[in-house]
Amino acid sequence: MSFSAELDGKTILITGGTGSFGHQMIYELMEYSPKKIIVYSRDEEKQHNMRETFRKYPISKKIDYIIGDVRDYVRLVNASKNVDIIFHAAAMKQVPYIESHPYEAVKTNVIGAYNIMRAAVENKVDYVVGISTDKAVKPINAMGMTKAIQEKILLGDDIDKENTKISCVRYGNVIGSRGSVIPLFDEKISKQESLPITHPMMTRFMLTLKEAIQLVFYAIKVSEGGEIFVKKAPNVKILEFAKAYAKIKTGNPNYPLEYVGIRPGEKLYEVLVSSEEMRRTVQKEDYFIIKKQTNFYDSESLNEKTSLEEYSTLTEPSIDYNKVEKIIEEEKWIN
């Protein structure tokens, strides 16, 4: 699917742009002809490293780097002037740290999202796509709670959005990102240490970075404003993934594993669309589109469907070891 009509000639702002998402976004945008790309983040060292990474590519001439924090509304207003599209990826994501310091996550994930929305509307930005997470569904930790509120804020009616369309995408595990298990497994293997497994029954949906970016582009292409987009993905047992990954990486089919237990705030299964959301979800071949909740004051009809199965790794069958191994090789998940 081509997204030239949505991306060519456009000025694109990426918040949290120095992360895995931002790097992959630049690579994907090389297939198109954007007018300008603005990388917005608060870490000058990461911006320097990113500049060096892309210096050899022609697209580097179209990239501007802006130091700023999504907590700073005035800075966001200035950064988003004459911008057509905002990809909002800036967030605090580390569950253990957020459990200890939840208000810091509120300032970035909640207030930051409100600032993005206000700045986008003020500058008449055409599209905003917020990057959310499975942890926002039936949240059990502070990180998930802040991301759930972020979704509500971006899709809510606090501000008249006029001509600015705002939607969200929701991911599970993005393979190869800094938050995925691959960097951890690579580090352990390089030290010849056992791979840590939280629980033998733990399952996750697995998306590649490329698929994650394609989902964002798809959201821009079809969004009417107010939706949450979810990509269907393979359901993988972390245990099977670790075995297959270690075998391909080291050649050892019996690489040592170690069960370390589930961390506080961590789910055994992953939910991307809740049963309640399914009542207003349109299912496509490869996607779920969760429509905006609009009826808050009237009871549902007795004819409304009230019992729909959620989209989770508990309800979806997990793929077997051989299929996991094949996907790892086909998708080039080994660095």
Protein backbone atom coordinates (compact mmCIF):
# COMPACT_ATOMS: atom_id res chain seq x y z
CA MET A 1 0.00 0.00 0.00
CA SER A 2 1.40 3.39 -1.01
CA PHE A 3 1.10 6.45 1.20
CA SER A 4 2.52 9.00 -1.24
CA ALA A 5 -0.64 11.10 -1.21
CA GLU A 6 -0.44 11.40 2.57
CA LEU A 7 3.34 11.99 2.93
CA ASP A 8 4.81 13.58 -0.19
CA GLY A 9 5.43 17.30 0.15
CA LYS A 10 4.45 17.30 3.83
CA THR A 11 6.27 18.73 6.85
CA ILE A 12 6.35 16.06 9.55
CA LEU A 13 7.12 16.52 13.26
CA ILE A 14 8.13 13.46 15.33
CA THR A 15 8.05 13.92 19.10
CA GLY A 16 10.38 11.61 20.98
CA GLY A 17 12.00 11.39 17.57
CA THR A 18 15.38 10.05 18.66
CA GLY A 19 13.96 6.70 19.81
CA SER A 20 13.54 3.46 17.86
CA PHE A 21 10.27 4.73 16.38
CA GLY A 22 11.87 7.92 15.09
CA HIS A 23 14.83 6.12 13.54
CA GLN A 24 12.59 3.64 11.72
CA MET A 25 10.28 6.46 10.66
CA ILE A 26 13.18 8.18 8.89
CA TYR A 27 14.08 4.97 7.08
CA GLU A 28 10.47 4.47 5.98
CA LEU A 29 10.16 8.09 4.84
CA MET A 30 13.11 7.53 2.48
CA GLU A 31 10.59 5.78 0.20
CA TYR A 32 8.60 9.02 -0.06
CA SER A 33 9.25 12.72 -0.67
CA PRO A 34 8.39 14.68 2.48
CA LYS A 35 9.14 18.38 2.42
CA LYS A 36 10.74 18.43 5.87
CA ILE A 37 11.12 16.18 8.92
CA ILE A 38 11.44 17.70 12.39
CA VAL A 39 12.93 15.50 15.12
CA TYR A 40 11.77 16.86 18.47
CA SER A 41 13.30 15.47 21.68
CA ARG A 42 14.96 16.58 24.90
CA ASP A 43 18.23 14.61 24.60
CA GLU A 44 20.93 16.47 22.68
CA GLU A 45 23.34 13.51 22.70
CA LYS A 46 20.78 11.26 21.02
CA GLN A 47 20.08 13.99 18.48
CA HIS A 48 23.80 14.22 17.72
CA ASN A 49 24.05 10.45 17.30
CA MET A 50 20.97 10.40 15.09
CA ARG A 51 22.37 13.19 12.93
CA GLU A 52 25.55 11.15 12.44
CA THR A 53 23.54 8.01 11.61
CA PHE A 54 21.64 9.67 8.79
CA ARG A 55 24.37 12.01 7.53
CA LYS A 56 25.22 9.64 4.64
CA TYR A 57 21.63 9.59 3.34
CA PRO A 58 20.17 12.28 1.03
CA ILE A 59 17.16 12.61 3.35
CA SER A 60 19.46 14.14 5.99
CA LYS A 61 19.18 17.48 4.18
CA LYS A 62 15.46 17.50 5.00
CA ILE A 63 15.85 16.76 8.73
CA ASP A 64 15.78 19.51 11.36
CA TYR A 65 16.54 18.75 15.01
CA ILE A 66 14.79 20.66 17.78
CA ILE A 67 15.60 20.34 21.48
CA GLY A 68 12.38 20.46 23.45
CA ASP A 69 10.09 18.68 25.88
CA VAL A 70 6.41 17.87 25.33
CA ARG A 71 5.84 19.27 28.82
CA ASP A 72 6.68 22.72 27.38
CA TYR A 73 3.60 24.01 25.55
CA VAL A 74 5.21 27.21 24.22
CA ARG A 75 8.10 25.24 22.76
CA LEU A 76 5.67 22.85 21.07
CA VAL A 77 3.70 25.71 19.54
CA ASN A 78 6.88 27.12 18.02
CA ALA A 79 8.08 23.69 16.83
CA SER A 80 4.77 22.83 15.14
CA LYS A 81 4.33 25.97 13.07
CA ASN A 82 3.73 25.14 9.39
CA VAL A 83 3.66 21.42 10.22
CA ASP A 84 1.23 19.12 8.37
CA ILE A 85 1.58 15.91 10.40
CA ILE A 86 2.62 15.16 13.98
CA PHE A 87 3.65 11.67 15.07
CA HIS A 88 3.52 11.81 18.85
CA ALA A 89 5.88 9.13 20.18
CA ALA A 90 7.35 10.96 23.19
CA ALA A 91 6.53 9.11 26.41
CA MET A 92 7.82 7.73 29.65
CA LYS A 93 7.62 3.96 29.21
CA GLN A 94 9.65 2.10 31.82
CA VAL A 95 7.13 0.42 34.10
CA PRO A 96 9.29 0.03 37.27
CA TYR A 97 10.45 3.66 37.28
CA ILE A 98 6.96 4.97 36.64
CA GLU A 99 5.57 2.85 39.48
CA SER A 100 7.99 4.70 41.77
CA HIS A 101 7.50 8.14 40.19
CA PRO A 102 3.99 8.19 38.68
CA TYR A 103 3.56 11.97 38.59
CA GLU A 104 6.57 12.32 36.31
CA ALA A 105 4.74 10.06 33.84
CA VAL A 106 1.61 12.18 34.25
CA LYS A 107 3.58 15.28 33.24
CA THR A 108 4.94 13.62 30.08
CA ASN A 109 2.27 11.13 29.03
CA VAL A 110 -0.85 13.06 30.07
CA ILE A 111 -0.05 16.78 30.17
CA GLY A 112 2.34 16.32 27.25
CA ALA A 113 -0.46 14.82 25.15
CA TYR A 114 -2.73 17.75 26.00
CA ASN A 115 0.02 20.16 24.96
CA ILE A 116 0.43 18.32 21.65
CA MET A 117 -3.30 18.57 20.95
CA ARG A 118 -3.45 22.28 21.83
CA ALA A 119 -0.39 23.14 19.75
CA ALA A 120 -1.65 21.13 16.78
CA VAL A 121 -5.05 22.84 16.81
CA GLU A 122 -3.52 26.28 17.29
CA ASN A 123 -1.23 25.76 14.28
CA LYS A 124 -3.91 24.04 12.16
CA VAL A 125 -1.91 20.82 11.79
CA ASP A 126 -3.77 18.42 9.48
CA TYR A 127 -3.08 15.12 11.28
CA VAL A 128 -1.87 13.95 14.67
CA VAL A 129 -1.23 10.28 15.44
CA GLY A 130 -0.56 9.37 19.07
CA ILE A 131 1.49 6.25 19.73
CA SER A 132 -0.14 4.17 22.46
CA THR A 133 0.43 0.75 23.98
CA ASP A 134 -1.34 -2.45 24.97
CA LYS A 135 -0.75 -1.38 28.59
CA ALA A 136 -3.47 1.26 28.12
CA VAL A 137 -6.05 -1.54 27.88
CA LYS A 138 -7.32 -2.72 31.29
CA PRO A 139 -4.27 -1.05 32.88
CA ILE A 140 -2.69 -2.53 36.01
CA ASN A 141 0.28 -0.15 36.33
CA ALA A 142 0.84 3.60 36.37
CA MET A 143 2.42 3.60 32.94
CA GLY A 144 -0.67 1.96 31.41
CA MET A 145 -2.97 4.31 33.31
CA THR A 146 -1.21 7.39 31.96
CA LYS A 147 -1.29 6.03 28.41
CA ALA A 148 -5.00 5.24 28.76
CA ILE A 149 -5.63 8.85 29.82
CA GLN A 150 -3.40 10.01 26.95
CA GLU A 151 -5.71 8.21 24.51
CA LYS A 152 -8.78 9.79 26.12
CA ILE A 153 -7.24 13.27 25.95
CA LEU A 154 -6.14 13.03 22.32
CA LEU A 155 -9.50 11.65 21.22
CA GLY A 156 -11.68 13.73 23.55
CA ASP A 157 -13.63 16.92 23.06
CA ASP A 158 -11.85 19.31 25.44
CA ILE A 159 -10.78 21.40 22.46
CA ASP A 160 -12.62 22.07 19.20
CA LYS A 161 -10.25 20.36 16.78
CA GLU A 162 -11.73 22.13 13.74
CA ASN A 163 -9.75 20.71 10.80
CA THR A 164 -7.16 18.74 12.80
CA LYS A 165 -7.72 14.97 12.68
CA ILE A 166 -6.35 13.14 15.71
CA SER A 167 -6.17 9.37 16.07
CA CYS A 168 -4.09 6.82 17.98
CA VAL A 169 -2.36 3.57 17.18
CA ARG A 170 -1.90 0.86 19.76
CA TYR A 171 1.07 -1.54 19.73
CA GLY A 172 2.14 -4.54 21.70
CA ASN A 173 5.80 -5.56 21.53
CA VAL A 174 7.73 -3.95 18.70
CA ILE A 175 10.62 -6.26 17.88
CA GLY A 176 13.95 -4.49 17.63
CA SER A 177 12.86 -1.43 19.60
CA ARG A 178 14.79 -0.49 22.71
CA GLY A 179 11.92 -1.68 24.89
CA SER A 180 11.73 -5.13 23.30
CA VAL A 181 13.43 -8.29 24.52
CA ILE A 182 15.92 -8.45 21.64
CA PRO A 183 18.42 -5.88 22.98
CA LEU A 184 18.29 -7.65 26.36
CA PHE A 185 18.75 -11.09 24.78
CA ASP A 186 21.62 -9.80 22.63
CA GLU A 187 23.36 -8.42 25.69
CA LYS A 188 22.95 -11.67 27.62
CA ILE A 189 24.17 -13.78 24.71
CA SER A 190 27.22 -11.55 24.19
CA LYS A 191 28.15 -12.24 27.83
CA GLN A 192 27.28 -15.94 27.48
CA GLU A 193 24.64 -15.55 30.20
CA SER A 194 21.31 -17.35 30.39
CA LEU A 195 18.24 -15.65 28.91
CA PRO A 196 15.75 -14.42 31.55
CA ILE A 197 12.17 -15.71 31.12
CA THR A 198 9.47 -14.25 33.33
CA HIS A 199 6.98 -17.12 33.09
CA PRO A 200 6.60 -20.17 30.80
CA MET A 201 3.05 -19.11 29.84
CA MET A 202 3.76 -15.43 29.15
CA THR A 203 2.62 -14.41 25.65
CA ARG A 204 2.92 -11.28 23.54
CA PHE A 205 1.86 -9.98 20.14
CA MET A 206 4.96 -9.34 18.03
CA LEU A 207 5.24 -6.51 15.50
CA THR A 208 8.27 -5.42 13.51
CA LEU A 209 9.34 -1.79 13.54
CA LYS A 210 8.41 -1.55 9.87
CA GLU A 211 4.89 -2.85 10.61
CA ALA A 212 4.56 -0.34 13.44
CA ILE A 213 5.37 2.55 11.09
CA GLN A 214 3.06 1.18 8.39
CA LEU A 215 0.23 1.17 10.94
CA VAL A 216 0.83 4.86 11.60
CA PHE A 217 0.74 5.63 7.88
CA TYR A 218 -2.45 3.59 7.52
CA ALA A 219 -4.04 5.61 10.31
CA ILE A 220 -3.39 8.85 8.41
CA LYS A 221 -4.73 7.39 5.19
CA VAL A 222 -8.11 6.22 6.51
CA SER A 223 -8.70 8.21 9.71
CA GLU A 224 -11.77 10.38 10.07
CA GLY A 225 -10.58 11.50 13.51
CA GLY A 226 -11.10 9.88 16.90
CA GLU A 227 -10.17 6.26 16.12
CA ILE A 228 -7.68 3.84 17.64
CA PHE A 229 -5.94 1.58 15.13
CA VAL A 230 -4.59 -1.87 16.02
CA LYS A 231 -2.58 -4.16 13.73
CA LYS A 232 -3.24 -7.88 13.91
CA ALA A 233 -0.02 -9.66 14.82
CA PRO A 234 1.32 -13.14 15.62
CA ASN A 235 0.85 -14.27 19.22
CA VAL A 236 4.12 -15.66 20.55
CA LYS A 237 5.08 -17.37 23.79
CA ILE A 238 8.14 -15.56 25.15
CA LEU A 239 9.61 -18.95 26.06
CA GLU A 240 9.37 -20.19 22.46
CA PHE A 241 10.71 -16.90 21.15
CA ALA A 242 13.74 -17.07 23.46
CA LYS A 243 14.53 -20.66 22.45
CA ALA A 244 14.26 -19.91 18.73
CA TYR A 245 16.16 -16.64 18.96
CA ALA A 246 19.04 -18.18 20.93
CA LYS A 247 19.27 -21.13 18.54
CA ILE A 248 19.48 -18.91 15.46
CA LYS A 249 21.85 -16.46 17.13
CA THR A 250 24.25 -19.01 18.67
CA GLY A 251 23.58 -22.29 16.89
CA ASN A 252 22.87 -23.89 20.26
CA PRO A 253 19.36 -25.46 20.39
CA ASN A 254 19.69 -25.85 24.17
CA TYR A 255 20.90 -22.38 25.12
CA PRO A 256 20.40 -21.89 28.89
CA LEU A 257 17.25 -20.13 30.07
CA GLU A 258 16.40 -18.84 33.53
CA TYR A 259 12.95 -18.24 35.00
CA VAL A 260 12.98 -14.95 36.89
CA GLY A 261 9.30 -14.37 37.71
CA ILE A 262 6.82 -11.65 36.71
CA ARG A 263 7.70 -8.09 37.70
CA PRO A 264 5.19 -5.95 39.62
CA GLY A 265 2.84 -4.27 37.16
CA GLU A 266 3.53 -6.81 34.41
CA LYS A 267 0.77 -8.80 32.69
CA LEU A 268 0.96 -12.48 31.83
CA TYR A 269 -1.17 -11.90 28.72
CA GLU A 270 -1.48 -8.93 26.41
CA VAL A 271 -4.76 -7.25 25.46
CA LEU A 272 -4.93 -4.90 22.47
CA VAL A 273 -8.71 -4.51 22.13
CA SER A 274 -10.95 -5.01 25.17
CA SER A 275 -14.32 -6.75 24.99
CA GLU A 276 -16.04 -3.40 25.70
CA GLU A 277 -14.17 -1.73 22.84
CA MET A 278 -15.10 -4.58 20.51
CA ARG A 279 -18.69 -3.31 20.57
CA ARG A 280 -17.60 -0.28 18.56
CA THR A 281 -14.77 -1.87 16.58
CA VAL A 282 -14.64 -2.42 12.82
CA GLN A 283 -12.56 -5.42 11.84
CA LYS A 284 -10.53 -5.35 8.61
CA GLU A 285 -8.37 -8.12 7.19
CA ASP A 286 -5.21 -6.93 8.96
CA TYR A 287 -6.51 -4.28 11.35
CA PHE A 288 -8.98 -3.39 14.06
CA ILE A 289 -10.38 0.15 13.97
CA ILE A 290 -11.86 1.18 17.32
CA LYS A 291 -14.38 3.92 16.66
CA LYS A 292 -14.69 6.93 18.95
CA GLN A 293 -17.03 6.61 21.91
CA THR A 294 -19.78 9.18 21.38
CA ASN A 295 -22.71 8.02 23.52
CA PHE A 296 -21.95 8.83 27.18
CA TYR A 297 -25.36 9.76 28.50
CA ASP A 298 -27.88 7.24 27.19
CA SER A 299 -28.15 3.54 27.98
CA GLU A 300 -27.46 1.07 25.22
CA SER A 301 -30.32 -0.75 23.56
CA LEU A 302 -31.03 -4.28 24.79
CA ASN A 303 -30.31 -5.34 21.22
CA GLU A 304 -26.72 -4.09 21.44
CA LYS A 305 -24.06 -6.77 21.61
CA THR A 306 -22.78 -6.87 25.18
CA SER A 307 -20.53 -9.92 25.16
CA LEU A 308 -17.75 -9.86 22.58
CA GLU A 309 -14.40 -11.57 22.82
CA GLU A 310 -11.43 -9.30 23.39
CA TYR A 311 -8.39 -9.37 21.12
CA SER A 312 -5.67 -10.69 23.39
CA THR A 313 -2.95 -13.31 23.56
CA LEU A 314 -5.26 -15.27 25.83
CA THR A 315 -7.98 -15.53 23.18
CA GLU A 316 -5.73 -15.84 20.11
CA PRO A 317 -3.79 -19.10 19.51
CA SER A 318 -0.04 -18.79 19.89
CA ILE A 319 2.18 -19.93 17.03
CA ASP A 320 4.41 -22.98 17.49
CA TYR A 321 8.19 -23.09 17.81
CA ASN A 322 8.84 -23.85 14.11
CA LYS A 323 6.69 -20.92 13.02
CA VAL A 324 8.45 -18.62 15.50
CA GLU A 325 11.83 -19.68 14.12
CA LYS A 326 10.65 -19.10 10.55
CA ILE A 327 9.30 -15.63 11.33
CA ILE A 328 12.53 -14.60 13.11
CA GLU A 329 14.53 -15.57 10.03
CA GLU A 330 12.10 -14.13 7.46
CA GLU A 331 11.69 -10.82 9.29
CA LYS A 332 15.43 -10.56 9.96
CA TRP A 333 14.87 -10.02 13.69
CA ILE A 334 18.48 -11.16 14.26
CA ASN A 335 20.77 -8.13 14.03
